[in-house]
Protein backbone atom coordinates (compact mmCIF):
# COMPACT_ATOMS: atom_id res chain seq x y z
CA MET A 1 -0.29 0.00 0.05
CA ALA A 2 2.92 2.37 0.98
CA SER A 3 4.23 2.24 -2.92
CA LEU A 4 0.76 2.80 -3.94
CA ARG A 5 0.57 5.72 -2.28
CA LEU A 6 3.98 6.90 -3.25
CA ALA A 7 3.09 6.18 -7.14
CA ALA A 8 -0.16 8.40 -6.86
CA LEU A 9 2.11 11.21 -4.90
CA LEU A 10 5.01 10.96 -7.69
CA ALA A 11 2.07 10.79 -10.51
CA ALA A 12 0.59 14.20 -9.03
CA VAL A 13 3.92 15.83 -8.62
CA ILE A 14 4.77 14.73 -12.35
CA ALA A 15 1.51 16.39 -13.26
CA ALA A 16 2.08 19.65 -11.67
CA ALA A 17 5.49 20.11 -13.64
CA PRO A 18 4.49 23.10 -16.19
CA ALA A 19 5.86 22.43 -19.79
CA VAL A 20 9.18 24.10 -19.43
CA ALA A 21 12.67 23.43 -19.41
CA ALA A 22 14.20 22.45 -16.13
CA GLY A 23 14.89 24.92 -13.45
CA GLN A 24 12.40 27.29 -14.74
CA GLY A 25 9.67 26.77 -12.23
CA THR A 26 9.73 28.43 -9.21
CA SER A 27 11.84 28.98 -6.60
CA ASP A 28 9.92 26.50 -3.58
CA TRP A 29 12.69 23.82 -3.38
CA PRO A 30 11.79 21.82 -0.46
CA CYS A 31 14.49 18.61 -0.55
CA VAL A 32 17.45 18.11 1.53
CA GLN A 33 19.17 17.29 -1.62
CA ARG A 34 21.26 19.84 -3.50
CA LYS A 35 18.71 20.76 -6.74
CA VAL A 36 20.46 20.22 -9.98
CA PRO A 37 18.06 21.53 -12.58
CA ALA A 38 19.86 19.87 -15.42
CA LEU A 39 22.17 16.86 -16.33
CA THR A 40 25.22 17.27 -18.52
CA PRO A 41 25.98 14.06 -20.55
CA ALA A 42 29.69 13.78 -19.66
CA ALA A 43 28.12 13.51 -15.83
CA VAL A 44 26.47 9.86 -16.55
CA TRP A 45 28.36 9.10 -19.77
CA THR A 46 31.85 7.89 -21.05
CA GLY A 47 31.12 6.90 -24.50
CA PRO A 48 31.48 9.08 -28.02
CA ASP A 49 30.30 12.81 -28.41
CA ILE A 50 26.38 12.90 -28.32
CA GLU A 51 26.72 16.31 -29.73
CA ALA A 52 28.68 15.23 -32.68
CA LEU A 53 25.91 12.89 -33.78
CA GLU A 54 24.18 13.69 -37.33
CA ALA A 55 21.75 11.43 -37.42
CA ASP A 56 18.35 12.17 -35.01
CA TRP A 57 17.96 8.58 -32.88
CA ARG A 58 14.16 9.52 -33.63
CA ASP A 59 14.63 8.84 -37.18
CA ASP A 60 15.88 5.23 -36.01
CA GLU A 61 12.76 3.22 -35.37
CA GLU A 62 14.15 0.62 -33.54
CA VAL A 63 16.50 2.80 -31.51
CA ALA A 64 13.35 5.19 -30.69
CA ALA A 65 11.09 2.10 -29.49
CA LEU A 66 14.45 0.77 -27.36
CA VAL A 67 14.63 4.34 -26.09
CA ARG A 68 10.61 3.93 -24.98
CA ARG A 69 11.35 0.79 -23.41
CA LEU A 70 14.57 1.17 -21.06
CA SER A 71 13.58 4.87 -20.28
CA GLN A 72 10.76 3.38 -18.29
CA ARG A 73 11.78 2.66 -14.09
CA ARG A 74 9.15 -0.13 -14.07
CA VAL A 75 11.27 -2.05 -16.39
CA PRO A 76 13.99 -3.90 -14.36
CA ILE A 77 17.79 -2.75 -14.99
CA GLU A 78 18.83 -6.32 -15.53
CA GLU A 79 16.29 -6.58 -18.31
CA ALA A 80 17.37 -3.18 -19.61
CA GLU A 81 21.22 -4.38 -19.55
CA ALA A 82 19.95 -7.25 -21.64
CA ASP A 83 18.12 -5.46 -24.19
CA ILE A 84 21.11 -3.22 -24.67
CA ALA A 85 23.03 -6.30 -25.11
CA ALA A 86 21.04 -8.01 -27.13
CA PHE A 87 20.37 -4.97 -29.72
CA ALA A 88 24.17 -4.30 -29.81
CA ALA A 89 24.63 -8.40 -30.82
CA GLU A 90 22.40 -7.50 -33.88
CA LEU A 91 24.83 -4.78 -35.10
CA ASP A 92 27.51 -4.51 -37.71
CA ALA A 93 29.73 -1.73 -39.13
CA ASP A 94 27.51 0.79 -37.65
CA LYS A 95 27.59 -0.34 -34.50
CA THR A 96 29.25 2.52 -32.53
CA GLU A 97 27.26 5.10 -34.20
CA ARG A 98 23.86 3.05 -33.22
CA LEU A 99 24.32 2.71 -29.62
CA THR A 100 25.53 6.40 -29.35
CA LEU A 101 22.22 7.07 -30.81
CA LEU A 102 20.68 5.01 -28.07
CA PHE A 103 22.28 7.11 -25.38
CA ALA A 104 21.55 10.16 -27.07
CA GLY A 105 17.95 9.35 -26.96
CA LEU A 106 17.74 7.90 -23.13
CA PHE A 107 19.79 11.06 -21.93
CA GLU A 108 17.13 13.36 -23.87
CA THR A 109 14.27 11.44 -22.65
CA MET A 110 15.41 10.76 -18.67
CA ASN A 111 16.82 14.43 -18.75
CA THR A 112 13.51 15.74 -19.71
CA GLU A 113 11.79 13.54 -17.38
CA ARG A 114 14.02 14.66 -14.42
CA GLY A 115 13.68 18.08 -15.18
CA GLN A 116 9.86 17.66 -15.16
CA ILE A 117 10.01 16.18 -11.90
CA ILE A 118 11.85 18.72 -10.15
CA ASP A 119 9.54 20.99 -11.54
CA GLY A 120 6.56 19.37 -10.32
CA ILE A 121 8.47 18.71 -6.85
CA GLU A 122 8.63 22.95 -6.36
CA ARG A 123 5.38 23.58 -7.55
CA TYR A 124 3.73 20.86 -5.02
CA ALA A 125 5.84 22.10 -2.09
CA HIS A 126 4.11 25.70 -2.70
CA ARG A 127 0.75 23.85 -2.91
CA GLN A 128 1.39 22.31 0.10
CA ARG A 129 2.36 25.43 1.96
CA GLU A 130 -1.33 27.17 0.63
CA VAL A 131 -2.74 23.72 2.22
CA ALA A 132 -0.91 24.75 5.51
CA GLN A 133 -2.43 28.15 5.42
CA LYS A 134 -5.55 26.60 5.11
CA VAL A 135 -5.44 23.88 7.49
CA ARG A 136 -4.26 27.10 10.51
CA SER A 137 -7.45 28.98 8.62
CA MET A 138 -9.79 25.79 9.52
CA ALA A 139 -8.53 25.71 12.62
CA SER A 140 -8.91 28.85 13.67
CA GLU A 141 -12.53 28.88 12.43
CA LEU A 142 -13.63 25.91 14.35
CA GLY A 143 -11.97 27.32 17.43
CA ALA A 144 -14.15 30.13 16.88
CA LEU A 145 -17.51 28.23 16.56
CA ARG A 146 -16.40 26.26 20.08
CA LYS A 147 -15.86 29.55 21.51
CA ASP A 148 -19.51 30.14 20.27
CA PRO A 149 -22.15 29.71 22.95
CA ASN A 150 -24.77 29.81 19.94
CA ALA A 151 -22.87 27.85 17.38
CA ASP A 152 -24.65 24.79 15.86
CA ALA A 153 -23.53 21.53 17.31
CA ALA A 154 -23.63 19.80 13.68
CA ALA A 155 -21.63 22.79 12.50
CA ILE A 156 -18.92 21.93 14.96
CA ASP A 157 -19.05 18.54 14.14
CA GLU A 158 -18.45 18.96 10.35
CA ALA A 159 -15.83 21.55 10.87
CA LYS A 160 -13.88 19.36 13.04
CA THR A 161 -14.02 16.96 10.32
CA ALA A 162 -13.22 18.76 7.51
CA LEU A 163 -9.93 19.87 9.45
CA ASP A 164 -9.10 16.41 10.76
CA TRP A 165 -9.69 15.30 6.79
CA GLN A 166 -7.42 18.14 5.55
CA THR A 167 -5.10 18.18 8.52
CA ARG A 168 -4.39 14.07 7.66
CA ILE A 169 -3.94 14.75 3.79
CA TYR A 170 -1.47 17.43 4.77
CA ASN A 171 0.57 15.25 6.91
CA GLU A 172 0.56 11.98 4.53
CA ARG A 173 1.52 14.34 1.64
CA ARG A 174 4.51 15.77 3.73
CA ALA A 175 5.91 12.03 4.95
CA SER A 176 5.87 11.05 1.64
CA LEU A 177 7.80 14.10 0.17
CA PRO A 178 11.12 12.85 1.08
CA TYR A 179 10.79 9.46 -0.79
CA VAL A 180 9.60 11.69 -3.99
CA CYS A 181 12.67 13.94 -3.41
CA GLU A 182 14.85 11.20 -4.24
CA VAL A 183 13.41 10.35 -7.64
CA PRO A 184 15.37 12.62 -9.32
CA ARG A 185 18.50 10.73 -8.18
CA PHE A 186 16.98 7.60 -9.11
CA VAL A 187 16.43 8.86 -12.66
CA GLU A 188 19.89 10.00 -12.65
CA GLN A 189 21.90 6.29 -11.23
CA ARG A 190 19.51 4.86 -13.66
CA LEU A 191 20.27 6.58 -16.80
CA PHE A 192 24.10 6.36 -15.47
CA ALA A 193 23.69 2.55 -15.05
CA LEU A 194 22.15 2.33 -19.08
CA GLY A 195 25.29 3.93 -20.19
CA ARG A 196 27.85 1.96 -18.55
CA ALA A 197 25.88 -0.39 -20.77
CA ILE A 198 25.91 0.51 -23.71
CA VAL A 199 29.37 1.50 -23.83
CA LYS A 200 29.99 -2.50 -22.53
CA ALA A 201 28.56 -3.44 -25.31
CA MET A 202 30.12 -1.12 -28.08
CA PRO A 203 33.43 -2.44 -29.75
CA ASN A 204 36.73 -1.99 -28.18
């Protein structure tokens, strides 16, 4: 159940991200991890320069299909590495170029996803602060109702139930956020592992 809640929270975080480049969101960074808005190829790749590629990885249907599969975190890294090895085994003279294209596609796709997650975390944290303010206001209103001798008992109960529910939602999301803050690092680690597997499959 905990993993399902975390998956739902991550989906909400990603959905909150605007369609802009990483690092152009708000300044509401709630994580203890240092914010690195975007990766550079050198941080996760030791193979040929992907900037020197003349071809576009999207134009290679087989490469593009593999990029879509390998970039998904639900695909175990062992399966992804096996897929890379199988793909490399079928290549001939253009082996290095096509494997470099594969990494170029993975880098672009996963770096973009990572940036969206970072932007979403910032926007999510901003909304959490707004919810916290709402909880404080609801608590103040409930306190005023309880002090009012003419307040309706049903209204007090309704206000208390609403406050309890809002507080529970806020606390659950706050407790889950540290795990979501790790997701950009998970994406980076996966990209590094995939890059390493691709380099390993290249001709010596």
